């Protein structure tokens, strides 16, 4: 999603920080994104004795992805539609 907003260079953590600096996402969303990213990376880098991700871990990742999509794409589109509607109604 960040790539669709023009943030293509660097690692995901760096792109997340740039998205927050550009006010594409809030600081708290960036914190959430970093936590989700680190949680998703853990099974890849942890030792073999660590448990695999749970269904709840997957749900948290999905919840974040849906919230991010709403914030980056759905909400701005709704605001744009609202502005167009009030502009047409203006005297």
PDB file of N, CA and C in Angstrom:
ATOM      1  N   UNK A   1       0.812  -1.190   0.000  1.00  0.00           N
ATOM      2  CA  UNK A   1       0.000   0.000   0.000  1.00  0.00           C
ATOM      3  C   UNK A   1       0.860   1.261   0.000  1.00  0.00           C
ATOM      4  N   UNK A   2       1.991   1.185   0.701  1.00  0.00           N
ATOM      5  CA  UNK A   2       2.864   2.357   0.710  1.00  0.00           C
ATOM      6  C   UNK A   2       3.470   2.599  -0.670  1.00  0.00           C
ATOM      7  N   UNK A   3       3.755   1.532  -1.381  1.00  0.00           N
ATOM      8  CA  UNK A   3       4.280   1.684  -2.738  1.00  0.00           C
ATOM      9  C   UNK A   3       3.261   2.380  -3.625  1.00  0.00           C
ATOM     10  N   UNK A   4       1.984   2.086  -3.444  1.00  0.00           N
ATOM     11  CA  UNK A   4       0.929   2.726  -4.230  1.00  0.00           C
ATOM     12  C   UNK A   4       0.857   4.221  -3.932  1.00  0.00           C
ATOM     13  N   UNK A   5       1.377   4.628  -2.784  1.00  0.00           N
ATOM     14  CA  UNK A   5       1.415   6.040  -2.406  1.00  0.00           C
ATOM     15  C   UNK A   5       2.765   6.678  -2.732  1.00  0.00           C
ATOM     16  N   UNK A   6       3.594   5.979  -3.521  1.00  0.00           N
ATOM     17  CA  UNK A   6       4.856   6.548  -3.976  1.00  0.00           C
ATOM     18  C   UNK A   6       6.058   6.246  -3.096  1.00  0.00           C
ATOM     19  N   UNK A   7       5.886   5.482  -2.049  1.00  0.00           N
ATOM     20  CA  UNK A   7       7.006   5.142  -1.164  1.00  0.00           C
ATOM     21  C   UNK A   7       7.558   3.793  -1.588  1.00  0.00           C
ATOM     22  N   UNK A   8       8.503   3.811  -2.515  1.00  0.00           N
ATOM     23  CA  UNK A   8       9.026   2.589  -3.110  1.00  0.00           C
ATOM     24  C   UNK A   8      10.442   2.245  -2.659  1.00  0.00           C
ATOM     25  N   UNK A   9      11.210   3.231  -2.249  1.00  0.00           N
ATOM     26  CA  UNK A   9      12.617   2.988  -1.910  1.00  0.00           C
ATOM     27  C   UNK A   9      12.786   2.674  -0.436  1.00  0.00           C
ATOM     28  N   UNK A  10      13.736   1.788  -0.156  1.00  0.00           N
ATOM     29  CA  UNK A  10      14.064   1.446   1.217  1.00  0.00           C
ATOM     30  C   UNK A  10      13.274   0.260   1.729  1.00  0.00           C
ATOM     31  N   UNK A  11      13.612  -0.121   2.936  1.00  0.00           N
ATOM     32  CA  UNK A  11      12.935  -1.242   3.584  1.00  0.00           C
ATOM     33  C   UNK A  11      11.588  -0.767   4.120  1.00  0.00           C
ATOM     34  N   UNK A  12      10.733  -1.718   4.428  1.00  0.00           N
ATOM     35  CA  UNK A  12       9.383  -1.395   4.867  1.00  0.00           C
ATOM     36  C   UNK A  12       9.378  -0.494   6.102  1.00  0.00           C
ATOM     37  N   UNK A  13      10.238  -0.761   7.054  1.00  0.00           N
ATOM     38  CA  UNK A  13      10.301   0.081   8.250  1.00  0.00           C
ATOM     39  C   UNK A  13      10.632   1.524   7.910  1.00  0.00           C
ATOM     40  N   UNK A  14      11.559   1.724   6.991  1.00  0.00           N
ATOM     41  CA  UNK A  14      11.933   3.076   6.567  1.00  0.00           C
ATOM     42  C   UNK A  14      10.777   3.755   5.829  1.00  0.00           C
ATOM     43  N   UNK A  15      10.103   2.994   4.964  1.00  0.00           N
ATOM     44  CA  UNK A  15       8.967   3.558   4.226  1.00  0.00           C
ATOM     45  C   UNK A  15       7.831   3.927   5.167  1.00  0.00           C
ATOM     46  N   UNK A  16       7.645   3.123   6.212  1.00  0.00           N
ATOM     47  CA  UNK A  16       6.620   3.427   7.208  1.00  0.00           C
ATOM     48  C   UNK A  16       6.941   4.742   7.915  1.00  0.00           C
ATOM     49  N   UNK A  17       8.186   4.918   8.301  1.00  0.00           N
ATOM     50  CA  UNK A  17       8.595   6.164   8.953  1.00  0.00           C
ATOM     51  C   UNK A  17       8.408   7.365   8.022  1.00  0.00           C
ATOM     52  N   UNK A  18       8.719   7.193   6.745  1.00  0.00           N
ATOM     53  CA  UNK A  18       8.522   8.289   5.786  1.00  0.00           C
ATOM     54  C   UNK A  18       7.035   8.595   5.593  1.00  0.00           C
ATOM     55  N   UNK A  19       6.204   7.557   5.610  1.00  0.00           N
ATOM     56  CA  UNK A  19       4.753   7.773   5.486  1.00  0.00           C
ATOM     57  C   UNK A  19       4.246   8.617   6.655  1.00  0.00           C
ATOM     58  N   UNK A  20       4.747   8.345   7.847  1.00  0.00           N
ATOM     59  CA  UNK A  20       4.342   9.138   9.015  1.00  0.00           C
ATOM     60  C   UNK A  20       4.882  10.565   8.902  1.00  0.00           C
ATOM     61  N   UNK A  21       6.126  10.713   8.475  1.00  0.00           N
ATOM     62  CA  UNK A  21       6.719  12.046   8.335  1.00  0.00           C
ATOM     63  C   UNK A  21       5.976  12.884   7.296  1.00  0.00           C
ATOM     64  N   UNK A  22       5.435  12.235   6.277  1.00  0.00           N
ATOM     65  CA  UNK A  22       4.670  12.936   5.234  1.00  0.00           C
ATOM     66  C   UNK A  22       3.188  13.053   5.586  1.00  0.00           C
ATOM     67  N   UNK A  23       2.834  12.597   6.752  1.00  0.00           N
ATOM     68  CA  UNK A  23       1.453  12.647   7.250  1.00  0.00           C
ATOM     69  C   UNK A  23       0.488  11.828   6.400  1.00  0.00           C
ATOM     70  N   UNK A  24       1.013  10.774   5.751  1.00  0.00           N
ATOM     71  CA  UNK A  24       0.125   9.833   5.068  1.00  0.00           C
ATOM     72  C   UNK A  24      -0.553   8.931   6.089  1.00  0.00           C
ATOM     73  N   UNK A  25       0.152   8.664   7.188  1.00  0.00           N
ATOM     74  CA  UNK A  25      -0.394   7.910   8.310  1.00  0.00           C
ATOM     75  C   UNK A  25      -0.032   8.662   9.583  1.00  0.00           C
ATOM     76  N   UNK A  26      -0.718   8.345  10.657  1.00  0.00           N
ATOM     77  CA  UNK A  26      -0.408   8.988  11.938  1.00  0.00           C
ATOM     78  C   UNK A  26       0.801   8.314  12.588  1.00  0.00           C
ATOM     79  N   UNK A  27       1.351   8.967  13.582  1.00  0.00           N
ATOM     80  CA  UNK A  27       2.467   8.380  14.331  1.00  0.00           C
ATOM     81  C   UNK A  27       2.040   7.072  14.999  1.00  0.00           C
ATOM     82  N   UNK A  28       0.826   7.039  15.522  1.00  0.00           N
ATOM     83  CA  UNK A  28       0.355   5.813  16.158  1.00  0.00           C
ATOM     84  C   UNK A  28       0.159   4.692  15.138  1.00  0.00           C
ATOM     85  N   UNK A  29      -0.286   5.029  13.935  1.00  0.00           N
ATOM     86  CA  UNK A  29      -0.403   4.002  12.898  1.00  0.00           C
ATOM     87  C   UNK A  29       0.970   3.469  12.531  1.00  0.00           C
ATOM     88  N   UNK A  30       1.972   4.343  12.513  1.00  0.00           N
ATOM     89  CA  UNK A  30       3.342   3.891  12.235  1.00  0.00           C
ATOM     90  C   UNK A  30       3.819   2.931  13.320  1.00  0.00           C
ATOM     91  N   UNK A  31       3.514   3.243  14.577  1.00  0.00           N
ATOM     92  CA  UNK A  31       3.888   2.338  15.675  1.00  0.00           C
ATOM     93  C   UNK A  31       3.209   0.980  15.500  1.00  0.00           C
ATOM     94  N   UNK A  32       1.931   1.014  15.155  1.00  0.00           N
ATOM     95  CA  UNK A  32       1.166  -0.214  14.937  1.00  0.00           C
ATOM     96  C   UNK A  32       1.785  -0.993  13.776  1.00  0.00           C
ATOM     97  N   UNK A  33       2.114  -0.284  12.694  1.00  0.00           N
ATOM     98  CA  UNK A  33       2.714  -0.927  11.519  1.00  0.00           C
ATOM     99  C   UNK A  33       4.030  -1.611  11.873  1.00  0.00           C
ATOM    100  N   UNK A  34       4.853  -0.934  12.656  1.00  0.00           N
ATOM    101  CA  UNK A  34       6.132  -1.533  13.046  1.00  0.00           C
ATOM    102  C   UNK A  34       5.913  -2.791  13.891  1.00  0.00           C
ATOM    103  N   UNK A  35       4.937  -2.745  14.789  1.00  0.00           N
ATOM    104  CA  UNK A  35       4.668  -3.917  15.631  1.00  0.00           C
ATOM    105  C   UNK A  35       4.193  -5.092  14.786  1.00  0.00           C
ATOM    106  N   UNK A  36       3.289  -4.820  13.851  1.00  0.00           N
ATOM    107  CA  UNK A  36       2.780  -5.875  12.967  1.00  0.00           C
ATOM    108  C   UNK A  36       3.918  -6.440  12.119  1.00  0.00           C
ATOM    109  N   UNK A  37       4.753  -5.552  11.594  1.00  0.00           N
ATOM    110  CA  UNK A  37       5.878  -5.993  10.758  1.00  0.00           C
ATOM    111  C   UNK A  37       6.833  -6.873  11.547  1.00  0.00           C
ATOM    112  N   UNK A  38       7.175  -6.446  12.752  1.00  0.00           N
ATOM    113  CA  UNK A  38       8.105  -7.223  13.575  1.00  0.00           C
ATOM    114  C   UNK A  38       7.489  -8.555  13.994  1.00  0.00           C
ATOM    115  N   UNK A  39       6.213  -8.538  14.331  1.00  0.00           N
ATOM    116  CA  UNK A  39       5.545  -9.795  14.697  1.00  0.00           C
ATOM    117  C   UNK A  39       5.522 -10.760  13.519  1.00  0.00           C
ATOM    118  N   UNK A  40       5.308 -10.242  12.314  1.00  0.00           N
ATOM    119  CA  UNK A  40       5.270 -11.102  11.130  1.00  0.00           C
ATOM    120  C   UNK A  40       6.657 -11.637  10.789  1.00  0.00           C
ATOM    121  N   UNK A  41       7.686 -10.866  11.069  1.00  0.00           N
ATOM    122  CA  UNK A  41       9.056 -11.301  10.778  1.00  0.00           C
ATOM    123  C   UNK A  41       9.577 -12.314  11.783  1.00  0.00           C
ATOM    124  N   UNK A  42       9.055 -12.279  13.000  1.00  0.00           N
ATOM    125  CA  UNK A  42       9.599 -13.117  14.065  1.00  0.00           C
ATOM    126  C   UNK A  42       9.674 -14.599  13.706  1.00  0.00           C
ATOM    127  N   UNK A  43       8.622 -15.201  13.145  1.00  0.00           N
ATOM    128  CA  UNK A  43       8.723 -16.634  12.828  1.00  0.00           C
ATOM    129  C   UNK A  43       9.816 -16.953  11.804  1.00  0.00           C
ATOM    130  N   UNK A  44      10.129 -15.997  10.957  1.00  0.00           N
ATOM    131  CA  UNK A  44      11.162 -16.232   9.948  1.00  0.00           C
ATOM    132  C   UNK A  44      12.555 -16.244  10.551  1.00  0.00           C
ATOM    133  N   UNK A  45      12.734 -15.489  11.629  1.00  0.00           N
ATOM    134  CA  UNK A  45      14.073 -15.306  12.175  1.00  0.00           C
ATOM    135  C   UNK A  45      14.267 -15.949  13.541  1.00  0.00           C
ATOM    136  N   UNK A  46      13.188 -16.402  14.151  1.00  0.00           N
ATOM    137  CA  UNK A  46      13.287 -16.986  15.496  1.00  0.00           C
ATOM    138  C   UNK A  46      13.817 -18.417  15.417  1.00  0.00           C
ATOM    139  N   UNK A  47      14.215 -18.912  16.557  1.00  0.00           N
ATOM    140  CA  UNK A  47      14.688 -20.293  16.544  1.00  0.00           C
ATOM    141  C   UNK A  47      13.508 -21.243  16.353  1.00  0.00           C
ATOM    142  N   UNK A  48      13.806 -22.458  16.031  1.00  0.00           N
ATOM    143  CA  UNK A  48      12.782 -23.437  15.663  1.00  0.00           C
ATOM    144  C   UNK A  48      11.883 -23.826  16.832  1.00  0.00           C
ATOM    145  N   UNK A  49      12.263 -23.507  18.045  1.00  0.00           N
ATOM    146  CA  UNK A  49      11.459 -23.881  19.201  1.00  0.00           C
ATOM    147  C   UNK A  49      10.313 -22.896  19.457  1.00  0.00           C
ATOM    148  N   UNK A  50      10.334 -21.755  18.792  1.00  0.00           N
ATOM    149  CA  UNK A  50       9.269 -20.770  18.969  1.00  0.00           C
ATOM    150  C   UNK A  50       7.997 -21.275  18.307  1.00  0.00           C
ATOM    151  N   UNK A  51       6.840 -21.011  18.899  1.00  0.00           N
ATOM    152  CA  UNK A  51       5.583 -21.468  18.290  1.00  0.00           C
ATOM    153  C   UNK A  51       5.280 -20.703  17.004  1.00  0.00           C
ATOM    154  N   UNK A  52       4.559 -21.349  16.132  1.00  0.00           N
ATOM    155  CA  UNK A  52       4.120 -20.688  14.903  1.00  0.00           C
ATOM    156  C   UNK A  52       3.072 -19.635  15.244  1.00  0.00           C
ATOM    157  N   UNK A  53       2.860 -18.676  14.342  1.00  0.00           N
ATOM    158  CA  UNK A  53       1.843 -17.653  14.610  1.00  0.00           C
ATOM    159  C   UNK A  53       0.468 -18.296  14.801  1.00  0.00           C
ATOM    160  N   UNK A  54      -0.319 -17.684  15.652  1.00  0.00           N
ATOM    161  CA  UNK A  54      -1.662 -18.181  15.944  1.00  0.00           C
ATOM    162  C   UNK A  54      -2.681 -17.508  15.022  1.00  0.00           C
ATOM    163  N   UNK A  55      -3.903 -17.996  15.086  1.00  0.00           N
ATOM    164  CA  UNK A  55      -4.995 -17.363  14.333  1.00  0.00           C
ATOM    165  C   UNK A  55      -5.175 -15.922  14.809  1.00  0.00           C
ATOM    166  N   UNK A  56      -4.995 -15.692  16.092  1.00  0.00           N
ATOM    167  CA  UNK A  56      -5.118 -14.329  16.631  1.00  0.00           C
ATOM    168  C   UNK A  56      -4.016 -13.428  16.070  1.00  0.00           C
ATOM    169  N   UNK A  57      -2.808 -13.947  15.914  1.00  0.00           N
ATOM    170  CA  UNK A  57      -1.730 -13.169  15.288  1.00  0.00           C
ATOM    171  C   UNK A  57      -2.132 -12.768  13.872  1.00  0.00           C
ATOM    172  N   UNK A  58      -2.697 -13.705  13.145  1.00  0.00           N
ATOM    173  CA  UNK A  58      -3.160 -13.417  11.786  1.00  0.00           C
ATOM    174  C   UNK A  58      -4.262 -12.384  11.773  1.00  0.00           C
ATOM    175  N   UNK A  59      -5.181 -12.481  12.730  1.00  0.00           N
ATOM    176  CA  UNK A  59      -6.287 -11.517  12.829  1.00  0.00           C
ATOM    177  C   UNK A  59      -5.756 -10.114  13.076  1.00  0.00           C
ATOM    178  N   UNK A  60      -4.752  -9.992  13.947  1.00  0.00           N
ATOM    179  CA  UNK A  60      -4.177  -8.665  14.219  1.00  0.00           C
ATOM    180  C   UNK A  60      -3.539  -8.082  12.971  1.00  0.00           C
ATOM    181  N   UNK A  61      -2.853  -8.899  12.190  1.00  0.00           N
ATOM    182  CA  UNK A  61      -2.244  -8.415  10.941  1.00  0.00           C
ATOM    183  C   UNK A  61      -3.318  -7.975   9.954  1.00  0.00           C
ATOM    184  N   UNK A  62      -4.367  -8.773   9.849  1.00  0.00           N
ATOM    185  CA  UNK A  62      -5.461  -8.429   8.945  1.00  0.00           C
ATOM    186  C   UNK A  62      -6.169  -7.156   9.399  1.00  0.00           C
ATOM    187  N   UNK A  63      -6.406  -7.016  10.696  1.00  0.00           N
ATOM    188  CA  UNK A  63      -7.034  -5.801  11.220  1.00  0.00           C
ATOM    189  C   UNK A  63      -6.227  -4.570  10.854  1.00  0.00           C
ATOM    190  N   UNK A  64      -4.901  -4.679  10.998  1.00  0.00           N
ATOM    191  CA  UNK A  64      -4.060  -3.536  10.635  1.00  0.00           C
ATOM    192  C   UNK A  64      -4.147  -3.245   9.144  1.00  0.00           C
ATOM    193  N   UNK A  65      -4.052  -4.270   8.312  1.00  0.00           N
ATOM    194  CA  UNK A  65      -4.094  -4.064   6.862  1.00  0.00           C
ATOM    195  C   UNK A  65      -5.400  -3.395   6.437  1.00  0.00           C
ATOM    196  N   UNK A  66      -6.501  -3.821   7.027  1.00  0.00           N
ATOM    197  CA  UNK A  66      -7.792  -3.207   6.696  1.00  0.00           C
ATOM    198  C   UNK A  66      -7.849  -1.748   7.155  1.00  0.00           C
ATOM    199  N   UNK A  67      -7.350  -1.478   8.362  1.00  0.00           N
ATOM    200  CA  UNK A  67      -7.332  -0.100   8.861  1.00  0.00           C
ATOM    201  C   UNK A  67      -6.449   0.781   7.986  1.00  0.00           C
ATOM    202  N   UNK A  68      -5.302   0.255   7.581  1.00  0.00           N
ATOM    203  CA  UNK A  68      -4.398   1.028   6.725  1.00  0.00           C
ATOM    204  C   UNK A  68      -5.048   1.326   5.377  1.00  0.00           C
ATOM    205  N   UNK A  69      -5.705   0.349   4.792  1.00  0.00           N
ATOM    206  CA  UNK A  69      -6.391   0.564   3.514  1.00  0.00           C
ATOM    207  C   UNK A  69      -7.491   1.607   3.648  1.00  0.00           C
ATOM    208  N   UNK A  70      -8.232   1.539   4.739  1.00  0.00           N
ATOM    209  CA  UNK A  70      -9.281   2.537   4.972  1.00  0.00           C
ATOM    210  C   UNK A  70      -8.673   3.936   5.058  1.00  0.00           C
ATOM    211  N   UNK A  71      -7.586   4.062   5.812  1.00  0.00           N
ATOM    212  CA  UNK A  71      -6.967   5.362   6.056  1.00  0.00           C
ATOM    213  C   UNK A  71      -6.302   5.928   4.800  1.00  0.00           C
ATOM    214  N   UNK A  72      -5.608   5.069   4.049  1.00  0.00           N
ATOM    215  CA  UNK A  72      -4.866   5.546   2.874  1.00  0.00           C
ATOM    216  C   UNK A  72      -5.722   5.729   1.627  1.00  0.00           C
ATOM    217  N   UNK A  73      -6.786   4.930   1.485  1.00  0.00           N
ATOM    218  CA  UNK A  73      -7.527   4.948   0.230  1.00  0.00           C
ATOM    219  C   UNK A  73      -9.015   5.271   0.375  1.00  0.00           C
ATOM    220  N   UNK A  74      -9.692   4.622   1.297  1.00  0.00           N
ATOM    221  CA  UNK A  74     -11.143   4.790   1.399  1.00  0.00           C
ATOM    222  C   UNK A  74     -11.505   6.168   1.952  1.00  0.00           C
ATOM    223  N   UNK A  75     -10.937   6.540   3.076  1.00  0.00           N
ATOM    224  CA  UNK A  75     -11.262   7.825   3.676  1.00  0.00           C
ATOM    225  C   UNK A  75     -10.936   9.006   2.749  1.00  0.00           C
ATOM    226  N   UNK A  76      -9.742   9.048   2.142  1.00  0.00           N
ATOM    227  CA  UNK A  76      -9.478  10.158   1.222  1.00  0.00           C
ATOM    228  C   UNK A  76     -10.474  10.221   0.051  1.00  0.00           C
ATOM    229  N   UNK A  77     -10.893   9.069  -0.456  1.00  0.00           N
ATOM    230  CA  UNK A  77     -11.867   9.053  -1.552  1.00  0.00           C
ATOM    231  C   UNK A  77     -13.204   9.603  -1.080  1.00  0.00           C
ATOM    232  N   UNK A  78     -13.611   9.264   0.131  1.00  0.00           N
ATOM    233  CA  UNK A  78     -14.867   9.781   0.670  1.00  0.00           C
ATOM    234  C   UNK A  78     -14.792  11.284   0.888  1.00  0.00           C
ATOM    235  N   UNK A  79     -13.663  11.767   1.374  1.00  0.00           N
ATOM    236  CA  UNK A  79     -13.490  13.206   1.568  1.00  0.00           C
ATOM    237  C   UNK A  79     -13.556  13.924   0.224  1.00  0.00           C
ATOM    238  N   UNK A  80     -12.892  13.366  -0.777  1.00  0.00           N
ATOM    239  CA  UNK A  80     -12.917  13.969  -2.114  1.00  0.00           C
ATOM    240  C   UNK A  80     -14.339  14.032  -2.657  1.00  0.00           C
ATOM    241  N   UNK A  81     -15.098  12.952  -2.501  1.00  0.00           N
ATOM    242  CA  UNK A  81     -16.501  12.938  -2.943  1.00  0.00           C
ATOM    243  C   UNK A  81     -17.317  13.972  -2.188  1.00  0.00           C
ATOM    244  N   UNK A  82     -17.094  14.088  -0.885  1.00  0.00           N
ATOM    245  CA  UNK A  82     -17.813  15.070  -0.089  1.00  0.00           C
ATOM    246  C   UNK A  82     -17.503  16.481  -0.523  1.00  0.00           C
ATOM    247  N   UNK A  83     -16.245  16.760  -0.810  1.00  0.00           N
ATOM    248  CA  UNK A  83     -15.866  18.093  -1.287  1.00  0.00           C
ATOM    249  C   UNK A  83     -16.508  18.410  -2.635  1.00  0.00           C
ATOM    250  N   UNK A  84     -16.543  17.439  -3.510  1.00  0.00           N
ATOM    251  CA  UNK A  84     -17.190  17.651  -4.814  1.00  0.00           C
ATOM    252  C   UNK A  84     -18.673  17.950  -4.628  1.00  0.00           C
ATOM    253  N   UNK A  85     -19.310  17.239  -3.713  1.00  0.00           N
ATOM    254  CA  UNK A  85     -20.742  17.436  -3.488  1.00  0.00           C
ATOM    255  C   UNK A  85     -21.036  18.828  -2.944  1.00  0.00           C
ATOM    256  N   UNK A  86     -20.248  19.289  -1.999  1.00  0.00           N
ATOM    257  CA  UNK A  86     -20.515  20.619  -1.430  1.00  0.00           C
ATOM    258  C   UNK A  86     -20.119  21.719  -2.398  1.00  0.00           C
ATOM    259  N   UNK A  87     -19.151  21.458  -3.252  1.00  0.00           N
ATOM    260  CA  UNK A  87     -18.755  22.454  -4.253  1.00  0.00           C
ATOM    261  C   UNK A  87     -19.868  22.653  -5.273  1.00  0.00           C
ATOM    262  N   UNK A  88     -20.544  21.567  -5.659  1.00  0.00           N
ATOM    263  CA  UNK A  88     -21.670  21.664  -6.594  1.00  0.00           C
ATOM    264  C   UNK A  88     -22.836  22.415  -5.990  1.00  0.00           C
ATOM    265  N   UNK A  89     -23.003  22.297  -4.666  1.00  0.00           N
ATOM    266  CA  UNK A  89     -24.122  22.945  -3.987  1.00  0.00           C
ATOM    267  C   UNK A  89     -23.866  24.393  -3.681  1.00  0.00           C
ATOM    268  N   UNK A  90     -22.608  24.843  -3.747  1.00  0.00           N
ATOM    269  CA  UNK A  90     -22.272  26.216  -3.385  1.00  0.00           C
ATOM    270  C   UNK A  90     -22.959  27.204  -4.329  1.00  0.00           C
ATOM    271  N   UNK A  91     -23.439  28.331  -3.779  1.00  0.00           N
ATOM    272  CA  UNK A  91     -24.124  29.332  -4.624  1.00  0.00           C
ATOM    273  C   UNK A  91     -23.202  29.995  -5.613  1.00  0.00           C
TER     274      UNK A  91
END
